[in-house]
Amino acid sequence: MKQKVKYKGIMFIVLSALCFAFMNVFVRMAGDLPAVQKSFFRNLVAFIIALATMVRHKEVFQVEKGNWKYMILRAGFGTLGILCNFYAVDHLVLADASILNKMSPFFTVLFSWLILKEKVMPIQLSLIFGAFLGSIFVVKPTFSNLALVPSLLGFFGGICAGAAYTMVRKLGEAGEKGPVIVLFFSVFSCVVVLPWLIFDYHPMTWQQMGILLLAGC
């Protein structure tokens, strides 16, 4: 039974990587819009889906008192990660931005060792490093002066994503439900970027709106 659950987890993380790849493509297709505006609509869709899931299963939004700090850390790191990733997607070659964001497994392993006290096997580190190195050879990212800032932000986004994934694991071990974690993160992200959206809103076409909704899906 435990082995089946493990394989199911592997299947979902691969599916997640595919969905994130589509998300980056749609974010790029949305055109010349601020990363903040793109992240708002992406997280708005996530909020609606999480809320619908909770309503369907008749769950209530409830967080254990000791878990609030991890919930806020997850939302904070997740918001920073998305903003940095979207900025990199808009200003770099899409493959370069994606590979920088995929630094997150390295930092997930590091944070899981530091925070969750999980054992890290040398074979795990070598396989992750080998996969990333192979991607570097395929993508051949360029770090010219013009691309330095978005490259660094893309790299920082990968760090934040790794920290956010670790917080999700911590909350899951503490008994928090997935839809609750997603709902809080989505609301947190939308509220944080709302002031920038209000004062620097860029009008969108119906096509751009539809593409951003697809990014959220």
N, C-alpha and C. Protein backbone atom coordinates (compact mmCIF):
# COMPACT_ATOMS: atom_id res chain seq x y z
N MET A 1 0.84 -1.20 0.00
CA MET A 1 0.00 0.00 0.00
C MET A 1 0.88 1.26 0.00
N LYS A 2 1.93 1.24 0.85
CA LYS A 2 2.83 2.38 0.94
C LYS A 2 3.53 2.63 -0.39
N GLN A 3 3.91 1.53 -1.09
CA GLN A 3 4.60 1.65 -2.38
C GLN A 3 3.67 2.26 -3.42
N LYS A 4 2.38 1.88 -3.39
CA LYS A 4 1.41 2.44 -4.34
C LYS A 4 1.25 3.94 -4.13
N VAL A 5 1.23 4.35 -2.86
CA VAL A 5 1.11 5.78 -2.55
C VAL A 5 2.33 6.53 -3.07
N LYS A 6 3.50 5.92 -2.94
CA LYS A 6 4.74 6.54 -3.42
C LYS A 6 4.69 6.74 -4.93
N TYR A 7 4.27 5.69 -5.65
CA TYR A 7 4.18 5.79 -7.11
C TYR A 7 3.14 6.85 -7.52
N LYS A 8 2.06 6.92 -6.75
CA LYS A 8 1.04 7.92 -7.03
C LYS A 8 1.61 9.32 -6.85
N GLY A 9 2.42 9.50 -5.81
CA GLY A 9 3.07 10.78 -5.57
C GLY A 9 4.00 11.16 -6.71
N ILE A 10 4.77 10.18 -7.20
CA ILE A 10 5.68 10.42 -8.33
C ILE A 10 4.90 10.85 -9.57
N MET A 11 3.78 10.16 -9.82
CA MET A 11 2.95 10.48 -10.98
C MET A 11 2.43 11.91 -10.91
N PHE A 12 1.99 12.31 -9.72
CA PHE A 12 1.42 13.65 -9.56
C PHE A 12 2.49 14.74 -9.66
N ILE A 13 3.70 14.47 -9.18
CA ILE A 13 4.74 15.50 -9.26
C ILE A 13 5.19 15.69 -10.70
N VAL A 14 5.18 14.59 -11.49
CA VAL A 14 5.50 14.71 -12.92
C VAL A 14 4.40 15.49 -13.64
N LEU A 15 3.14 15.19 -13.30
CA LEU A 15 2.01 15.92 -13.88
C LEU A 15 2.07 17.39 -13.49
N SER A 16 2.49 17.65 -12.27
CA SER A 16 2.64 19.03 -11.79
C SER A 16 3.66 19.79 -12.62
N ALA A 17 4.80 19.12 -12.93
CA ALA A 17 5.84 19.76 -13.74
C ALA A 17 5.30 20.11 -15.13
N LEU A 18 4.50 19.21 -15.70
CA LEU A 18 3.89 19.46 -17.01
C LEU A 18 2.96 20.66 -16.95
N CYS A 19 2.14 20.72 -15.90
CA CYS A 19 1.19 21.82 -15.76
C CYS A 19 1.91 23.15 -15.57
N PHE A 20 3.01 23.15 -14.81
CA PHE A 20 3.77 24.38 -14.62
C PHE A 20 4.40 24.84 -15.92
N ALA A 21 4.81 23.89 -16.76
CA ALA A 21 5.36 24.24 -18.07
C ALA A 21 4.30 24.93 -18.92
N PHE A 22 3.08 24.39 -18.93
CA PHE A 22 1.98 25.04 -19.66
C PHE A 22 1.69 26.42 -19.08
N MET A 23 1.74 26.53 -17.74
CA MET A 23 1.48 27.81 -17.10
C MET A 23 2.47 28.87 -17.59
N ASN A 24 3.76 28.51 -17.64
CA ASN A 24 4.76 29.46 -18.11
C ASN A 24 4.52 29.88 -19.55
N VAL A 25 4.10 28.93 -20.37
CA VAL A 25 3.81 29.25 -21.77
C VAL A 25 2.65 30.25 -21.86
N PHE A 26 1.59 30.00 -21.10
CA PHE A 26 0.43 30.90 -21.15
C PHE A 26 0.78 32.28 -20.58
N VAL A 27 1.62 32.30 -19.53
CA VAL A 27 2.04 33.59 -18.96
C VAL A 27 2.79 34.40 -20.01
N ARG A 28 3.66 33.73 -20.75
CA ARG A 28 4.41 34.41 -21.82
C ARG A 28 3.46 34.87 -22.93
N MET A 29 2.47 34.05 -23.27
CA MET A 29 1.52 34.39 -24.33
C MET A 29 0.63 35.57 -23.96
N ALA A 30 0.48 35.84 -22.66
CA ALA A 30 -0.40 36.93 -22.23
C ALA A 30 0.13 38.30 -22.63
N GLY A 31 1.39 38.33 -23.04
CA GLY A 31 1.93 39.57 -23.60
C GLY A 31 2.53 40.51 -22.59
N ASP A 32 2.57 41.80 -22.94
CA ASP A 32 3.27 42.82 -22.17
C ASP A 32 2.40 43.34 -21.03
N LEU A 33 2.24 42.51 -20.03
CA LEU A 33 1.51 42.87 -18.81
C LEU A 33 2.46 42.72 -17.62
N PRO A 34 2.27 43.52 -16.55
CA PRO A 34 3.15 43.39 -15.39
C PRO A 34 3.04 42.00 -14.76
N ALA A 35 4.15 41.50 -14.22
CA ALA A 35 4.17 40.20 -13.56
C ALA A 35 3.18 40.16 -12.40
N VAL A 36 3.02 41.29 -11.72
CA VAL A 36 2.07 41.38 -10.59
C VAL A 36 0.65 41.12 -11.07
N GLN A 37 0.29 41.71 -12.20
CA GLN A 37 -1.06 41.54 -12.73
C GLN A 37 -1.29 40.11 -13.18
N LYS A 38 -0.30 39.52 -13.80
CA LYS A 38 -0.41 38.12 -14.22
C LYS A 38 -0.56 37.19 -13.03
N SER A 39 0.20 37.45 -11.97
CA SER A 39 0.13 36.57 -10.79
C SER A 39 -1.22 36.69 -10.09
N PHE A 40 -1.82 37.89 -10.12
CA PHE A 40 -3.12 38.07 -9.47
C PHE A 40 -4.18 37.18 -10.11
N PHE A 41 -4.26 37.21 -11.44
CA PHE A 41 -5.29 36.43 -12.12
C PHE A 41 -4.99 34.93 -12.04
N ARG A 42 -3.71 34.57 -12.03
CA ARG A 42 -3.33 33.16 -11.87
C ARG A 42 -3.81 32.65 -10.51
N ASN A 43 -3.57 33.43 -9.45
CA ASN A 43 -3.94 33.01 -8.11
C ASN A 43 -5.44 33.13 -7.85
N LEU A 44 -6.08 34.02 -8.58
CA LEU A 44 -7.54 34.14 -8.46
C LEU A 44 -8.22 32.85 -8.90
N VAL A 45 -7.73 32.25 -9.99
CA VAL A 45 -8.28 30.97 -10.46
C VAL A 45 -8.01 29.88 -9.43
N ALA A 46 -6.80 29.87 -8.87
CA ALA A 46 -6.46 28.86 -7.86
C ALA A 46 -7.37 28.99 -6.64
N PHE A 47 -7.70 30.23 -6.26
CA PHE A 47 -8.60 30.47 -5.13
C PHE A 47 -9.99 29.88 -5.41
N ILE A 48 -10.50 30.14 -6.61
CA ILE A 48 -11.84 29.66 -6.97
C ILE A 48 -11.89 28.13 -6.96
N ILE A 49 -10.85 27.50 -7.51
CA ILE A 49 -10.81 26.03 -7.55
C ILE A 49 -10.71 25.44 -6.14
N ALA A 50 -9.83 26.04 -5.30
CA ALA A 50 -9.68 25.56 -3.93
C ALA A 50 -10.96 25.72 -3.14
N LEU A 51 -11.63 26.87 -3.32
CA LEU A 51 -12.89 27.13 -2.61
C LEU A 51 -13.97 26.14 -3.06
N ALA A 52 -14.05 25.89 -4.36
CA ALA A 52 -15.04 24.95 -4.89
C ALA A 52 -14.79 23.54 -4.34
N THR A 53 -13.53 23.17 -4.23
CA THR A 53 -13.18 21.85 -3.69
C THR A 53 -13.62 21.72 -2.24
N MET A 54 -13.39 22.78 -1.46
CA MET A 54 -13.78 22.75 -0.05
C MET A 54 -15.30 22.70 0.11
N VAL A 55 -16.00 23.47 -0.72
CA VAL A 55 -17.47 23.46 -0.65
C VAL A 55 -18.02 22.10 -1.04
N ARG A 56 -17.43 21.51 -2.07
CA ARG A 56 -17.89 20.19 -2.54
C ARG A 56 -17.74 19.13 -1.46
N HIS A 57 -16.61 19.17 -0.74
CA HIS A 57 -16.36 18.17 0.30
C HIS A 57 -16.84 18.63 1.67
N LYS A 58 -17.54 19.77 1.70
CA LYS A 58 -18.12 20.31 2.93
C LYS A 58 -17.06 20.48 4.02
N GLU A 59 -15.92 21.02 3.61
CA GLU A 59 -14.85 21.29 4.56
C GLU A 59 -14.91 22.76 4.99
N VAL A 60 -14.46 23.03 6.20
CA VAL A 60 -14.41 24.40 6.70
C VAL A 60 -12.96 24.86 6.75
N PHE A 61 -12.76 26.16 6.61
CA PHE A 61 -11.40 26.70 6.68
C PHE A 61 -10.98 26.77 8.14
N GLN A 62 -10.07 25.91 8.50
CA GLN A 62 -9.61 25.86 9.89
C GLN A 62 -8.14 25.46 9.90
N VAL A 63 -7.34 26.26 10.61
CA VAL A 63 -5.90 26.01 10.71
C VAL A 63 -5.54 25.86 12.18
N GLU A 64 -4.80 24.81 12.49
CA GLU A 64 -4.35 24.62 13.87
C GLU A 64 -3.47 25.80 14.30
N LYS A 65 -3.57 26.18 15.57
CA LYS A 65 -2.87 27.36 16.07
C LYS A 65 -1.37 27.31 15.80
N GLY A 66 -0.76 26.15 16.00
CA GLY A 66 0.68 26.03 15.82
C GLY A 66 1.13 26.01 14.37
N ASN A 67 0.17 25.93 13.44
CA ASN A 67 0.52 25.83 12.02
C ASN A 67 0.47 27.16 11.28
N TRP A 68 0.00 28.21 11.95
CA TRP A 68 -0.17 29.48 11.25
C TRP A 68 1.16 30.04 10.72
N LYS A 69 2.22 29.88 11.50
CA LYS A 69 3.51 30.43 11.05
C LYS A 69 3.98 29.74 9.77
N TYR A 70 3.75 28.42 9.69
CA TYR A 70 4.15 27.68 8.48
C TYR A 70 3.23 28.03 7.31
N MET A 71 1.96 28.29 7.61
CA MET A 71 1.02 28.69 6.57
C MET A 71 1.42 30.04 5.97
N ILE A 72 1.81 30.98 6.83
CA ILE A 72 2.23 32.31 6.37
C ILE A 72 3.55 32.22 5.60
N LEU A 73 4.48 31.41 6.10
CA LEU A 73 5.76 31.21 5.39
C LEU A 73 5.53 30.59 4.02
N ARG A 74 4.63 29.59 3.96
CA ARG A 74 4.33 28.96 2.67
C ARG A 74 3.77 29.99 1.69
N ALA A 75 2.82 30.81 2.18
CA ALA A 75 2.20 31.81 1.31
C ALA A 75 3.20 32.88 0.89
N GLY A 76 4.05 33.31 1.82
CA GLY A 76 5.03 34.35 1.52
C GLY A 76 6.06 33.89 0.51
N PHE A 77 6.65 32.72 0.75
CA PHE A 77 7.63 32.17 -0.19
C PHE A 77 6.99 31.88 -1.55
N GLY A 78 5.77 31.36 -1.51
CA GLY A 78 5.06 31.04 -2.75
C GLY A 78 4.79 32.27 -3.59
N THR A 79 4.37 33.36 -2.93
CA THR A 79 4.09 34.61 -3.63
C THR A 79 5.36 35.18 -4.26
N LEU A 80 6.45 35.21 -3.50
CA LEU A 80 7.72 35.70 -4.03
C LEU A 80 8.20 34.83 -5.20
N GLY A 81 8.02 33.52 -5.05
CA GLY A 81 8.45 32.59 -6.09
C GLY A 81 7.71 32.82 -7.40
N ILE A 82 6.40 33.02 -7.31
CA ILE A 82 5.59 33.24 -8.52
C ILE A 82 5.94 34.57 -9.19
N LEU A 83 6.09 35.63 -8.38
CA LEU A 83 6.42 36.94 -8.94
C LEU A 83 7.78 36.92 -9.64
N CYS A 84 8.75 36.30 -9.00
CA CYS A 84 10.09 36.21 -9.60
C CYS A 84 10.07 35.36 -10.87
N ASN A 85 9.33 34.25 -10.82
CA ASN A 85 9.25 33.36 -11.98
C ASN A 85 8.56 34.06 -13.15
N PHE A 86 7.48 34.75 -12.89
CA PHE A 86 6.75 35.43 -13.96
C PHE A 86 7.59 36.55 -14.56
N TYR A 87 8.36 37.25 -13.73
CA TYR A 87 9.23 38.31 -14.25
C TYR A 87 10.30 37.69 -15.16
N ALA A 88 10.88 36.57 -14.71
CA ALA A 88 11.89 35.90 -15.52
C ALA A 88 11.30 35.39 -16.82
N VAL A 89 10.09 34.84 -16.77
CA VAL A 89 9.42 34.32 -17.97
C VAL A 89 9.22 35.45 -18.99
N ASP A 90 8.92 36.66 -18.50
CA ASP A 90 8.67 37.79 -19.40
C ASP A 90 9.94 38.38 -20.00
N HIS A 91 11.10 38.18 -19.33
CA HIS A 91 12.31 38.87 -19.75
C HIS A 91 13.44 37.95 -20.20
N LEU A 92 13.23 36.64 -20.16
CA LEU A 92 14.24 35.70 -20.61
C LEU A 92 13.66 34.79 -21.68
N VAL A 93 14.54 34.08 -22.35
CA VAL A 93 14.07 32.97 -23.19
C VAL A 93 13.31 32.02 -22.28
N LEU A 94 12.16 31.55 -22.73
CA LEU A 94 11.26 30.77 -21.88
C LEU A 94 11.96 29.54 -21.28
N ALA A 95 12.77 28.86 -22.08
CA ALA A 95 13.48 27.67 -21.58
C ALA A 95 14.46 28.05 -20.47
N ASP A 96 15.14 29.20 -20.61
CA ASP A 96 16.08 29.66 -19.58
C ASP A 96 15.34 29.94 -18.28
N ALA A 97 14.21 30.64 -18.37
CA ALA A 97 13.44 30.98 -17.18
C ALA A 97 12.94 29.72 -16.48
N SER A 98 12.50 28.74 -17.26
CA SER A 98 11.97 27.49 -16.69
C SER A 98 13.06 26.70 -15.97
N ILE A 99 14.26 26.62 -16.57
CA ILE A 99 15.32 25.84 -15.96
C ILE A 99 15.83 26.50 -14.68
N LEU A 100 15.82 27.84 -14.63
CA LEU A 100 16.21 28.53 -13.41
C LEU A 100 15.21 28.27 -12.29
N ASN A 101 13.93 28.25 -12.65
CA ASN A 101 12.91 27.96 -11.65
C ASN A 101 13.00 26.53 -11.15
N LYS A 102 13.53 25.64 -12.01
CA LYS A 102 13.64 24.23 -11.63
C LYS A 102 14.86 23.96 -10.75
N MET A 103 15.49 25.05 -10.24
CA MET A 103 16.47 24.90 -9.18
C MET A 103 15.78 24.51 -7.87
N SER A 104 14.47 24.63 -7.85
CA SER A 104 13.71 24.38 -6.61
C SER A 104 13.95 23.00 -5.99
N PRO A 105 14.11 21.90 -6.78
CA PRO A 105 14.37 20.61 -6.11
C PRO A 105 15.63 20.60 -5.26
N PHE A 106 16.69 21.31 -5.69
CA PHE A 106 17.90 21.39 -4.89
C PHE A 106 17.59 21.99 -3.52
N PHE A 107 16.87 23.08 -3.53
CA PHE A 107 16.59 23.79 -2.29
C PHE A 107 15.52 23.07 -1.47
N THR A 108 14.62 22.35 -2.13
CA THR A 108 13.66 21.53 -1.40
C THR A 108 14.39 20.46 -0.59
N VAL A 109 15.37 19.82 -1.23
CA VAL A 109 16.18 18.81 -0.53
C VAL A 109 16.91 19.44 0.65
N LEU A 110 17.52 20.62 0.41
CA LEU A 110 18.27 21.30 1.47
C LEU A 110 17.36 21.71 2.62
N PHE A 111 16.22 22.32 2.30
CA PHE A 111 15.31 22.78 3.35
C PHE A 111 14.65 21.61 4.08
N SER A 112 14.38 20.52 3.36
CA SER A 112 13.78 19.36 4.02
C SER A 112 14.76 18.75 5.02
N TRP A 113 16.05 18.84 4.71
CA TRP A 113 17.08 18.35 5.64
C TRP A 113 17.22 19.29 6.84
N LEU A 114 17.18 20.60 6.59
CA LEU A 114 17.37 21.57 7.66
C LEU A 114 16.13 21.71 8.55
N ILE A 115 14.96 21.74 7.92
CA ILE A 115 13.72 22.03 8.65
C ILE A 115 12.99 20.77 9.09
N LEU A 116 12.85 19.82 8.16
CA LEU A 116 12.08 18.62 8.45
C LEU A 116 12.93 17.48 9.00
N LYS A 117 14.26 17.67 8.97
CA LYS A 117 15.20 16.66 9.46
C LYS A 117 15.08 15.35 8.68
N GLU A 118 14.72 15.47 7.39
CA GLU A 118 14.64 14.28 6.55
C GLU A 118 16.06 13.86 6.11
N LYS A 119 16.26 12.56 6.00
CA LYS A 119 17.56 12.07 5.57
C LYS A 119 17.72 12.27 4.06
N VAL A 120 18.88 12.71 3.67
CA VAL A 120 19.18 12.93 2.25
C VAL A 120 20.26 11.94 1.84
N MET A 121 19.91 11.08 0.90
CA MET A 121 20.86 10.07 0.42
C MET A 121 21.75 10.67 -0.67
N PRO A 122 23.02 10.28 -0.69
CA PRO A 122 23.93 10.78 -1.75
C PRO A 122 23.41 10.49 -3.16
N ILE A 123 22.74 9.35 -3.34
CA ILE A 123 22.20 9.01 -4.66
C ILE A 123 21.14 10.02 -5.09
N GLN A 124 20.35 10.51 -4.12
CA GLN A 124 19.33 11.51 -4.44
C GLN A 124 19.97 12.80 -4.93
N LEU A 125 20.99 13.25 -4.22
CA LEU A 125 21.69 14.47 -4.59
C LEU A 125 22.34 14.34 -5.97
N SER A 126 22.96 13.18 -6.21
CA SER A 126 23.65 12.99 -7.49
C SER A 126 22.67 12.94 -8.66
N LEU A 127 21.50 12.31 -8.45
CA LEU A 127 20.50 12.23 -9.51
C LEU A 127 19.89 13.60 -9.83
N ILE A 128 19.60 14.38 -8.78
CA ILE A 128 19.05 15.72 -8.99
C ILE A 128 20.07 16.60 -9.70
N PHE A 129 21.33 16.51 -9.24
CA PHE A 129 22.38 17.30 -9.87
C PHE A 129 22.58 16.90 -11.33
N GLY A 130 22.54 15.60 -11.59
CA GLY A 130 22.70 15.11 -12.96
C GLY A 130 21.58 15.58 -13.86
N ALA A 131 20.35 15.56 -13.36
CA ALA A 131 19.20 16.01 -14.14
C ALA A 131 19.31 17.50 -14.47
N PHE A 132 19.70 18.28 -13.46
CA PHE A 132 19.83 19.72 -13.69
C PHE A 132 20.97 20.02 -14.65
N LEU A 133 22.09 19.32 -14.50
CA LEU A 133 23.24 19.53 -15.38
C LEU A 133 22.88 19.18 -16.82
N GLY A 134 22.13 18.11 -17.00
CA GLY A 134 21.69 17.73 -18.33
C GLY A 134 20.80 18.78 -18.95
N SER A 135 19.92 19.37 -18.13
CA SER A 135 19.04 20.43 -18.62
C SER A 135 19.84 21.66 -19.04
N ILE A 136 20.88 21.97 -18.27
CA ILE A 136 21.74 23.11 -18.60
C ILE A 136 22.38 22.92 -19.96
N PHE A 137 22.86 21.71 -20.24
CA PHE A 137 23.51 21.43 -21.52
C PHE A 137 22.52 21.54 -22.69
N VAL A 138 21.27 21.16 -22.41
CA VAL A 138 20.25 21.22 -23.46
C VAL A 138 19.84 22.67 -23.72
N VAL A 139 19.56 23.41 -22.62
CA VAL A 139 19.03 24.77 -22.75
C VAL A 139 20.12 25.77 -23.11
N LYS A 140 21.33 25.58 -22.52
CA LYS A 140 22.45 26.51 -22.72
C LYS A 140 22.02 27.95 -22.39
N PRO A 141 21.62 28.19 -21.13
CA PRO A 141 21.15 29.53 -20.77
C PRO A 141 22.25 30.57 -20.90
N THR A 142 21.85 31.77 -21.31
CA THR A 142 22.80 32.87 -21.44
C THR A 142 22.61 33.85 -20.30
N PHE A 143 23.71 34.32 -19.76
CA PHE A 143 23.67 35.24 -18.64
C PHE A 143 24.39 36.55 -19.03
N SER A 144 23.91 37.17 -20.09
CA SER A 144 24.48 38.44 -20.51
C SER A 144 24.09 39.53 -19.52
N ASN A 145 24.72 40.68 -19.62
CA ASN A 145 24.42 41.78 -18.69
C ASN A 145 22.96 42.19 -18.76
N LEU A 146 22.39 42.16 -19.97
CA LEU A 146 20.99 42.55 -20.12
C LEU A 146 20.05 41.58 -19.41
N ALA A 147 20.48 40.32 -19.30
CA ALA A 147 19.62 39.29 -18.70
C ALA A 147 20.00 38.98 -17.26
N LEU A 148 20.93 39.75 -16.68
CA LEU A 148 21.43 39.42 -15.35
C LEU A 148 20.35 39.52 -14.28
N VAL A 149 19.61 40.64 -14.27
CA VAL A 149 18.58 40.84 -13.23
C VAL A 149 17.47 39.81 -13.33
N PRO A 150 16.85 39.61 -14.50
CA PRO A 150 15.81 38.56 -14.58
C PRO A 150 16.36 37.16 -14.31
N SER A 151 17.62 36.91 -14.64
CA SER A 151 18.22 35.60 -14.35
C SER A 151 18.36 35.39 -12.85
N LEU A 152 18.83 36.42 -12.15
CA LEU A 152 18.97 36.33 -10.69
C LEU A 152 17.60 36.19 -10.02
N LEU A 153 16.61 36.93 -10.54
CA LEU A 153 15.26 36.82 -9.98
C LEU A 153 14.67 35.44 -10.25
N GLY A 154 14.95 34.89 -11.43
CA GLY A 154 14.48 33.53 -11.73
C GLY A 154 15.11 32.52 -10.79
N PHE A 155 16.40 32.68 -10.53
CA PHE A 155 17.11 31.80 -9.60
C PHE A 155 16.54 31.94 -8.19
N PHE A 156 16.29 33.19 -7.76
CA PHE A 156 15.72 33.43 -6.44
C PHE A 156 14.32 32.85 -6.34
N GLY A 157 13.58 32.91 -7.45
CA GLY A 157 12.25 32.30 -7.48
C GLY A 157 12.32 30.80 -7.24
N GLY A 158 13.36 30.15 -7.77
CA GLY A 158 13.55 28.72 -7.52
C GLY A 158 13.81 28.43 -6.06
N ILE A 159 14.60 29.30 -5.41
CA ILE A 159 14.85 29.15 -3.97
C ILE A 159 13.54 29.27 -3.18
N CYS A 160 12.76 30.29 -3.51
CA CYS A 160 11.48 30.51 -2.81
C CYS A 160 10.52 29.34 -3.03
N ALA A 161 10.51 28.80 -4.26
CA ALA A 161 9.63 27.66 -4.55
C ALA A 161 10.05 26.45 -3.71
N GLY A 162 11.35 26.23 -3.57
CA GLY A 162 11.84 25.12 -2.75
C GLY A 162 11.41 25.27 -1.30
N ALA A 163 11.50 26.50 -0.78
CA ALA A 163 11.07 26.76 0.60
C ALA A 163 9.56 26.56 0.74
N ALA A 164 8.80 27.00 -0.27
CA ALA A 164 7.34 26.86 -0.22
C ALA A 164 6.93 25.39 -0.22
N TYR A 165 7.58 24.57 -1.07
CA TYR A 165 7.28 23.14 -1.10
C TYR A 165 7.55 22.48 0.24
N THR A 166 8.64 22.92 0.89
CA THR A 166 8.98 22.36 2.20
C THR A 166 7.91 22.70 3.24
N MET A 167 7.39 23.93 3.17
CA MET A 167 6.32 24.33 4.10
C MET A 167 5.04 23.53 3.84
N VAL A 168 4.77 23.25 2.56
CA VAL A 168 3.60 22.42 2.23
C VAL A 168 3.73 21.05 2.87
N ARG A 169 4.93 20.45 2.78
CA ARG A 169 5.16 19.15 3.39
C ARG A 169 4.98 19.22 4.91
N LYS A 170 5.53 20.28 5.51
CA LYS A 170 5.41 20.47 6.96
C LYS A 170 3.93 20.57 7.37
N LEU A 171 3.16 21.33 6.62
CA LEU A 171 1.73 21.50 6.93
C LEU A 171 0.98 20.19 6.71
N GLY A 172 1.35 19.44 5.66
CA GLY A 172 0.70 18.16 5.41
C GLY A 172 0.95 17.18 6.53
N GLU A 173 2.18 17.15 7.03
CA GLU A 173 2.50 16.27 8.15
C GLU A 173 1.76 16.67 9.42
N ALA A 174 1.42 17.98 9.51
CA ALA A 174 0.70 18.47 10.69
C ALA A 174 -0.80 18.29 10.55
N GLY A 175 -1.24 17.71 9.43
CA GLY A 175 -2.66 17.39 9.26
C GLY A 175 -3.49 18.42 8.52
N GLU A 176 -2.85 19.45 7.97
CA GLU A 176 -3.61 20.46 7.22
C GLU A 176 -3.98 19.92 5.84
N LYS A 177 -5.21 20.21 5.42
CA LYS A 177 -5.70 19.71 4.14
C LYS A 177 -5.15 20.55 2.97
N GLY A 178 -4.93 19.90 1.82
CA GLY A 178 -4.41 20.56 0.63
C GLY A 178 -5.22 21.76 0.19
N PRO A 179 -6.56 21.64 0.04
CA PRO A 179 -7.37 22.79 -0.38
C PRO A 179 -7.27 23.98 0.57
N VAL A 180 -7.12 23.72 1.86
CA VAL A 180 -6.98 24.80 2.84
C VAL A 180 -5.68 25.55 2.61
N ILE A 181 -4.59 24.81 2.35
CA ILE A 181 -3.29 25.41 2.10
C ILE A 181 -3.33 26.26 0.82
N VAL A 182 -3.93 25.71 -0.23
CA VAL A 182 -4.01 26.43 -1.51
C VAL A 182 -4.90 27.66 -1.37
N LEU A 183 -6.01 27.53 -0.65
CA LEU A 183 -6.94 28.64 -0.48
C LEU A 183 -6.26 29.81 0.23
N PHE A 184 -5.55 29.51 1.33
CA PHE A 184 -4.89 30.57 2.08
C PHE A 184 -3.80 31.24 1.24
N PHE A 185 -3.03 30.42 0.55
CA PHE A 185 -1.96 30.96 -0.30
C PHE A 185 -2.53 31.86 -1.39
N SER A 186 -3.62 31.43 -2.01
CA SER A 186 -4.21 32.20 -3.10
C SER A 186 -4.75 33.54 -2.60
N VAL A 187 -5.45 33.52 -1.47
CA VAL A 187 -5.98 34.76 -0.90
C VAL A 187 -4.83 35.68 -0.49
N PHE A 188 -3.83 35.11 0.16
CA PHE A 188 -2.67 35.89 0.60
C PHE A 188 -2.00 36.58 -0.60
N SER A 189 -1.77 35.83 -1.67
CA SER A 189 -1.09 36.37 -2.84
C SER A 189 -1.91 37.47 -3.50
N CYS A 190 -3.21 37.24 -3.63
CA CYS A 190 -4.08 38.24 -4.27
C CYS A 190 -4.12 39.53 -3.45
N VAL A 191 -4.20 39.41 -2.13
CA VAL A 191 -4.25 40.59 -1.26
C VAL A 191 -2.93 41.36 -1.31
N VAL A 192 -1.81 40.65 -1.31
CA VAL A 192 -0.49 41.30 -1.31
C VAL A 192 -0.28 42.12 -2.58
N VAL A 193 -0.68 41.58 -3.73
CA VAL A 193 -0.43 42.28 -5.00
C VAL A 193 -1.56 43.25 -5.38
N LEU A 194 -2.67 43.23 -4.65
CA LEU A 194 -3.82 44.06 -5.01
C LEU A 194 -3.50 45.56 -5.08
N PRO A 195 -2.74 46.13 -4.11
CA PRO A 195 -2.43 47.57 -4.21
C PRO A 195 -1.70 47.93 -5.50
N TRP A 196 -0.72 47.11 -5.91
CA TRP A 196 0.00 47.36 -7.16
C TRP A 196 -0.94 47.24 -8.36
N LEU A 197 -1.86 46.29 -8.28
CA LEU A 197 -2.80 46.08 -9.37
C LEU A 197 -3.73 47.28 -9.53
N ILE A 198 -4.16 47.85 -8.40
CA ILE A 198 -5.08 48.99 -8.42
C ILE A 198 -4.40 50.22 -9.01
N PHE A 199 -3.16 50.49 -8.60
CA PHE A 199 -2.49 51.72 -9.01
C PHE A 199 -1.73 51.59 -10.34
N ASP A 200 -1.54 50.35 -10.81
CA ASP A 200 -0.80 50.18 -12.06
C ASP A 200 -1.47 49.11 -12.92
N TYR A 201 -2.80 49.23 -13.05
CA TYR A 201 -3.53 48.24 -13.83
C TYR A 201 -3.37 48.52 -15.32
N HIS A 202 -3.05 47.48 -16.08
CA HIS A 202 -2.94 47.61 -17.53
C HIS A 202 -4.17 46.97 -18.19
N PRO A 203 -4.89 47.72 -18.99
CA PRO A 203 -6.08 47.15 -19.66
C PRO A 203 -5.71 45.91 -20.46
N MET A 204 -6.61 44.92 -20.44
CA MET A 204 -6.37 43.66 -21.12
C MET A 204 -7.45 43.39 -22.15
N THR A 205 -7.08 42.68 -23.19
CA THR A 205 -8.06 42.21 -24.16
C THR A 205 -8.71 40.95 -23.61
N TRP A 206 -9.81 40.54 -24.25
CA TRP A 206 -10.47 39.29 -23.84
C TRP A 206 -9.54 38.10 -24.06
N GLN A 207 -8.70 38.17 -25.10
CA GLN A 207 -7.75 37.08 -25.36
C GLN A 207 -6.74 36.96 -24.23
N GLN A 208 -6.22 38.11 -23.77
CA GLN A 208 -5.26 38.09 -22.67
C GLN A 208 -5.90 37.56 -21.39
N MET A 209 -7.13 38.00 -21.14
CA MET A 209 -7.85 37.51 -19.96
C MET A 209 -8.01 36.00 -20.02
N GLY A 210 -8.42 35.49 -21.17
CA GLY A 210 -8.60 34.04 -21.32
C GLY A 210 -7.30 33.27 -21.14
N ILE A 211 -6.20 33.82 -21.67
CA ILE A 211 -4.91 33.14 -21.55
C ILE A 211 -4.45 33.10 -20.09
N LEU A 212 -4.68 34.20 -19.35
CA LEU A 212 -4.30 34.21 -17.93
C LEU A 212 -5.15 33.25 -17.11
N LEU A 213 -6.42 33.12 -17.48
CA LEU A 213 -7.28 32.14 -16.80
C LEU A 213 -6.78 30.72 -17.07
N LEU A 214 -6.30 30.48 -18.29
CA LEU A 214 -5.71 29.17 -18.61
C LEU A 214 -4.45 28.95 -17.79
N ALA A 215 -3.65 30.00 -17.59
CA ALA A 215 -2.45 29.89 -16.76
C ALA A 215 -2.82 29.47 -15.34
N GLY A 216 -3.90 30.07 -14.83
CA GLY A 216 -4.37 29.71 -13.50
C GLY A 216 -4.87 28.29 -13.40
N CYS A 217 -5.58 27.86 -14.44
CA CYS A 217 -6.07 26.47 -14.47
C CYS A 217 -4.92 25.47 -14.47
